[in-house]
């Protein structure tokens, strides 16, 4: 059996948004994100881009229309929303093999990366990739000393689940890299105090696998 996912670090947080240029304008001009890369439609009806704030990169997927399939369907059903996170792993082939052996449904396989069904992991759609996008972004010192907000980085990602213990157990089954956090009711999750202004919530999910 293949080894569990070896999560090196998050590459970016994924979100589906309504309006490509409007999203770039809003986050770049009003909030202070940097636009790191435009990723034009490759045939699936969705434009994307990579943007960063405080050393935290986001990939925004903007379907060209709401529809019955793909990301256009998600936009029609949920509107603007966070959908998951991409992690850098040392070997995407091994990670893919482990996903299949573990009953993790792959909903989009690009070869170099793959996306998982969020219902198998408490509402989180994992994107697994063996590359590193951090070289596209400004260095950490820029955000702390040159950006007006003086940002020092991401405190954590928070996910609302029905059972903290079940969610933590499931994620530990899937991956190396999740660590216990003092003051929380379970590893990496719980009802602890949110970091001031730096707590990113990906949304609510039922505890289904």
Protein backbone atom coordinates (compact mmCIF):
# COMPACT_ATOMS: atom_id res chain seq x y z
CA UNK A 1 0.00 0.00 0.00
CA UNK A 2 1.23 3.50 -0.81
CA UNK A 3 2.32 5.79 2.01
CA UNK A 4 0.03 8.45 3.41
CA UNK A 5 0.21 11.89 1.85
CA UNK A 6 3.39 13.68 2.88
CA UNK A 7 2.19 17.28 3.09
CA UNK A 8 5.16 19.63 2.81
CA UNK A 9 3.27 22.93 2.89
CA UNK A 10 0.12 24.54 1.48
CA UNK A 11 0.58 26.04 -1.98
CA UNK A 12 -2.67 27.97 -2.09
CA UNK A 13 -6.27 28.14 -0.90
CA UNK A 14 -8.83 27.53 -3.64
CA UNK A 15 -12.02 29.54 -4.13
CA UNK A 16 -14.72 29.72 -6.80
CA UNK A 17 -15.74 33.29 -7.64
CA UNK A 18 -18.24 35.10 -9.84
CA UNK A 19 -16.37 37.43 -12.21
CA UNK A 20 -12.74 37.14 -13.23
CA UNK A 21 -11.62 40.72 -13.72
CA UNK A 22 -13.90 41.96 -10.93
CA UNK A 23 -12.25 39.52 -8.50
CA UNK A 24 -8.75 40.62 -9.48
CA UNK A 25 -9.68 44.28 -9.21
CA UNK A 26 -11.32 43.86 -5.82
CA UNK A 27 -8.55 41.93 -4.11
CA UNK A 28 -5.65 43.74 -5.77
CA UNK A 29 -6.90 47.33 -5.65
CA UNK A 30 -9.01 47.34 -2.49
CA UNK A 31 -7.36 44.77 -0.24
CA UNK A 32 -3.73 44.81 -1.39
CA UNK A 33 -3.26 41.32 -2.84
CA UNK A 34 -0.53 40.86 -5.43
CA UNK A 35 -1.48 39.31 -8.76
CA UNK A 36 1.11 36.56 -9.24
CA UNK A 37 -0.14 34.75 -12.32
CA UNK A 38 -3.11 34.70 -14.67
CA UNK A 39 -4.21 31.23 -15.77
CA UNK A 40 -6.49 31.59 -18.81
CA UNK A 41 -9.24 29.15 -19.72
CA UNK A 42 -7.74 25.90 -21.00
CA UNK A 43 -11.00 24.58 -22.40
CA UNK A 44 -13.12 23.93 -19.31
CA UNK A 45 -14.85 27.32 -19.33
CA UNK A 46 -13.00 28.69 -16.32
CA UNK A 47 -10.37 31.41 -15.98
CA UNK A 48 -8.12 31.32 -12.93
CA UNK A 49 -5.43 33.37 -11.25
CA UNK A 50 -2.99 33.17 -8.37
CA UNK A 51 -3.03 36.06 -5.88
CA UNK A 52 -1.26 36.50 -2.55
CA UNK A 53 -1.84 38.39 0.68
CA UNK A 54 0.50 38.18 3.66
CA UNK A 55 2.39 35.25 2.22
CA UNK A 56 -0.84 33.27 1.76
CA UNK A 57 -1.57 32.41 -1.86
CA UNK A 58 -5.08 31.96 -3.24
CA UNK A 59 -6.19 30.47 -6.54
CA UNK A 60 -9.45 32.01 -7.71
CA UNK A 61 -11.46 30.00 -10.26
CA UNK A 62 -13.95 32.12 -12.21
CA UNK A 63 -16.37 30.12 -14.39
CA UNK A 64 -17.45 32.03 -17.47
CA UNK A 65 -21.05 31.01 -16.88
CA UNK A 66 -23.22 29.21 -14.36
CA UNK A 67 -24.17 25.79 -15.67
CA UNK A 68 -25.02 22.17 -14.97
CA UNK A 69 -21.47 20.82 -14.85
CA UNK A 70 -18.07 21.52 -13.38
CA UNK A 71 -17.23 24.69 -11.54
CA UNK A 72 -20.08 26.56 -13.22
CA UNK A 73 -22.46 24.20 -11.42
CA UNK A 74 -20.75 24.88 -8.07
CA UNK A 75 -20.99 28.62 -8.65
CA UNK A 76 -24.68 28.33 -9.51
CA UNK A 77 -25.37 26.26 -6.41
CA UNK A 78 -23.22 27.97 -3.77
CA UNK A 79 -22.17 31.34 -5.19
CA UNK A 80 -18.72 32.64 -4.21
CA UNK A 81 -17.11 30.16 -1.80
CA UNK A 82 -13.93 28.56 -0.60
CA UNK A 83 -13.66 25.03 -1.96
CA UNK A 84 -10.37 23.60 -0.70
CA UNK A 85 -6.61 23.84 -0.55
CA UNK A 86 -3.64 22.73 -2.64
CA UNK A 87 -0.78 21.00 -0.86
CA UNK A 88 2.74 20.46 -2.11
CA UNK A 89 3.79 16.79 -1.87
CA UNK A 90 7.07 15.11 -2.85
CA UNK A 91 5.46 12.61 -5.25
CA UNK A 92 2.04 13.13 -6.85
CA UNK A 93 2.00 9.61 -8.33
CA UNK A 94 2.34 8.00 -4.90
CA UNK A 95 -0.22 10.44 -3.46
CA UNK A 96 -2.69 9.52 -6.21
CA UNK A 97 -2.18 5.80 -5.55
CA UNK A 98 -2.82 6.29 -1.83
CA UNK A 99 -5.99 8.26 -2.53
CA UNK A 100 -7.40 5.45 -4.63
CA UNK A 101 -6.42 2.78 -2.11
CA UNK A 102 -8.02 4.80 0.69
CA UNK A 103 -11.34 5.33 -1.05
CA UNK A 104 -10.72 9.01 -1.75
CA UNK A 105 -12.60 9.89 -4.90
CA UNK A 106 -10.59 11.89 -7.46
CA UNK A 107 -12.96 14.26 -9.23
CA UNK A 108 -10.43 15.91 -11.56
CA UNK A 109 -7.07 14.41 -12.53
CA UNK A 110 -4.78 16.75 -14.46
CA UNK A 111 -1.80 14.41 -14.41
CA UNK A 112 0.55 16.83 -12.68
CA UNK A 113 -2.08 17.42 -9.99
CA UNK A 114 -5.42 16.03 -8.88
CA UNK A 115 -8.50 17.22 -6.96
CA UNK A 116 -10.41 15.12 -4.43
CA UNK A 117 -14.10 14.92 -3.62
CA UNK A 118 -14.75 17.09 -0.53
CA UNK A 119 -17.35 14.67 0.85
CA UNK A 120 -14.54 12.20 1.58
CA UNK A 121 -12.71 14.64 3.86
CA UNK A 122 -15.22 16.75 5.78
CA UNK A 123 -15.89 19.36 3.13
CA UNK A 124 -12.29 19.99 2.05
CA UNK A 125 -11.43 19.45 -1.61
CA UNK A 126 -7.73 18.69 -1.58
CA UNK A 127 -5.64 19.56 -4.60
CA UNK A 128 -2.42 17.55 -4.53
CA UNK A 129 0.60 18.72 -6.55
CA UNK A 130 4.32 17.99 -6.43
CA UNK A 131 5.35 21.52 -7.37
CA UNK A 132 5.93 24.70 -5.39
CA UNK A 133 4.34 28.05 -6.25
CA UNK A 134 5.96 30.08 -3.47
CA UNK A 135 8.64 31.49 -5.76
CA UNK A 136 5.93 33.48 -7.56
CA UNK A 137 5.03 35.51 -4.47
CA UNK A 138 6.75 38.36 -2.68
CA UNK A 139 9.12 37.32 0.16
CA UNK A 140 7.84 37.31 3.74
CA UNK A 141 9.72 40.50 4.61
CA UNK A 142 7.74 42.45 2.01
CA UNK A 143 4.43 41.71 3.72
CA UNK A 144 5.71 42.56 7.17
CA UNK A 145 7.72 45.71 6.42
CA UNK A 146 6.45 47.16 3.12
CA UNK A 147 2.77 46.26 2.88
CA UNK A 148 0.47 48.75 4.67
CA UNK A 149 -1.19 46.00 6.72
CA UNK A 150 2.09 44.67 8.13
CA UNK A 151 1.11 41.02 7.77
CA UNK A 152 3.13 38.18 9.29
CA UNK A 153 1.41 35.15 7.76
CA UNK A 154 -1.40 32.66 8.20
CA UNK A 155 -2.43 31.62 11.71
CA UNK A 156 -4.54 28.64 10.63
CA UNK A 157 -7.39 27.42 8.45
CA UNK A 158 -10.66 26.73 10.26
CA UNK A 159 -13.29 24.30 9.02
CA UNK A 160 -16.74 23.87 10.58
CA UNK A 161 -17.60 20.18 11.10
CA UNK A 162 -20.16 18.20 13.07
CA UNK A 163 -17.51 16.19 14.94
CA UNK A 164 -14.07 17.61 15.69
CA UNK A 165 -12.74 14.24 16.81
CA UNK A 166 -13.96 12.42 13.70
CA UNK A 167 -12.55 15.07 11.39
CA UNK A 168 -9.15 15.07 13.11
CA UNK A 169 -8.99 11.28 13.04
CA UNK A 170 -9.85 11.19 9.35
CA UNK A 171 -7.23 13.75 8.37
CA UNK A 172 -4.57 11.93 10.36
CA UNK A 173 -5.52 8.77 8.47
CA UNK A 174 -4.91 10.56 5.18
CA UNK A 175 -1.78 12.59 5.73
CA UNK A 176 1.42 13.23 7.61
CA UNK A 177 1.79 16.87 8.54
CA UNK A 178 -1.20 17.62 10.76
CA UNK A 179 -0.03 18.46 14.29
CA UNK A 180 -1.68 18.78 17.68
CA UNK A 181 -2.38 22.34 18.82
CA UNK A 182 -2.54 23.11 22.56
CA UNK A 183 -5.85 24.63 23.65
CA UNK A 184 -7.92 22.83 21.03
CA UNK A 185 -10.22 19.89 21.59
CA UNK A 186 -8.60 17.79 18.86
CA UNK A 187 -5.46 17.91 16.68
CA UNK A 188 -5.56 20.95 14.43
CA UNK A 189 -9.28 21.57 14.98
CA UNK A 190 -11.69 22.74 17.62
CA UNK A 191 -13.31 25.65 19.35
CA UNK A 192 -10.18 27.58 20.27
CA UNK A 193 -9.93 31.39 20.04
CA UNK A 194 -9.46 32.62 16.49
CA UNK A 195 -6.31 34.53 15.62
CA UNK A 196 -7.22 38.19 15.27
CA UNK A 197 -8.01 38.87 11.64
CA UNK A 198 -6.09 35.87 10.38
CA UNK A 199 -8.55 33.00 10.71
CA UNK A 200 -9.64 31.62 7.32
CA UNK A 201 -12.87 29.59 7.41
CA UNK A 202 -13.44 27.27 4.49
CA UNK A 203 -17.09 26.70 5.35
CA UNK A 204 -19.38 24.14 6.93
CA UNK A 205 -19.54 20.46 6.09
CA UNK A 206 -21.33 17.37 7.27
CA UNK A 207 -19.22 14.62 8.80
CA UNK A 208 -19.55 12.29 5.85
CA UNK A 209 -16.82 10.23 4.26
